[in-house]
Amino acid sequence: MLLNTRYFGQIEIDPKNIIDFPEGIPGFENVKKFVLLHHEDQDSPFQWLQGVDNPHLAFVVIDPRLCKEDYVVDVEDAEVAILDIRDTGKVLIYSIVVVPEDLSKMTANLKAPVLINTENNKGKQVILNNEDYPIKYYILQQLQKTGG
């Protein structure tokens, strides 16, 4: 399947890799289908969550555990049910990254991670009750420490 994207031009995606977000992403509820795109530099910690319904929409994402080693996701049973999670080892966890012009101010949203159940390709952005996780967590310094 060909997809004309804003940031990557025309790309080929495999329809079986499309992730269904039944509720969309908050603020973009009308976009329900996404694919994960890997960075061309395989060592990069960043990926893109590319909209399929709206190819102009793409989020930079990162595994938050690369920025904060003790990061833990604890979600409500209702969220588990929506994603139909049976094996937590099959769930990918990402934080949406904001990349400003000044890269030293790059942040990741630790408060509202994106969960993707790889068993059924269902995704959801959830809001954690943990008050220690900010919406804007400055990540550049942490990535430099960990070599990311």
Foldseek 3Di string as FASTA:
>chain_A
DWAAADPPGIDDDDVVQWAAACQAAVVPRVFGIWHWAADPPNPDQWIWTATRVHRHDIFIKGQCCLQPVPQDDDDDPVVCVVQVDDDPVQKGKIWTWDQDPPNQQIFTQSQWIWIARNVRRYIYTHGGPDPVTHGGDRRPVSCVVSVD
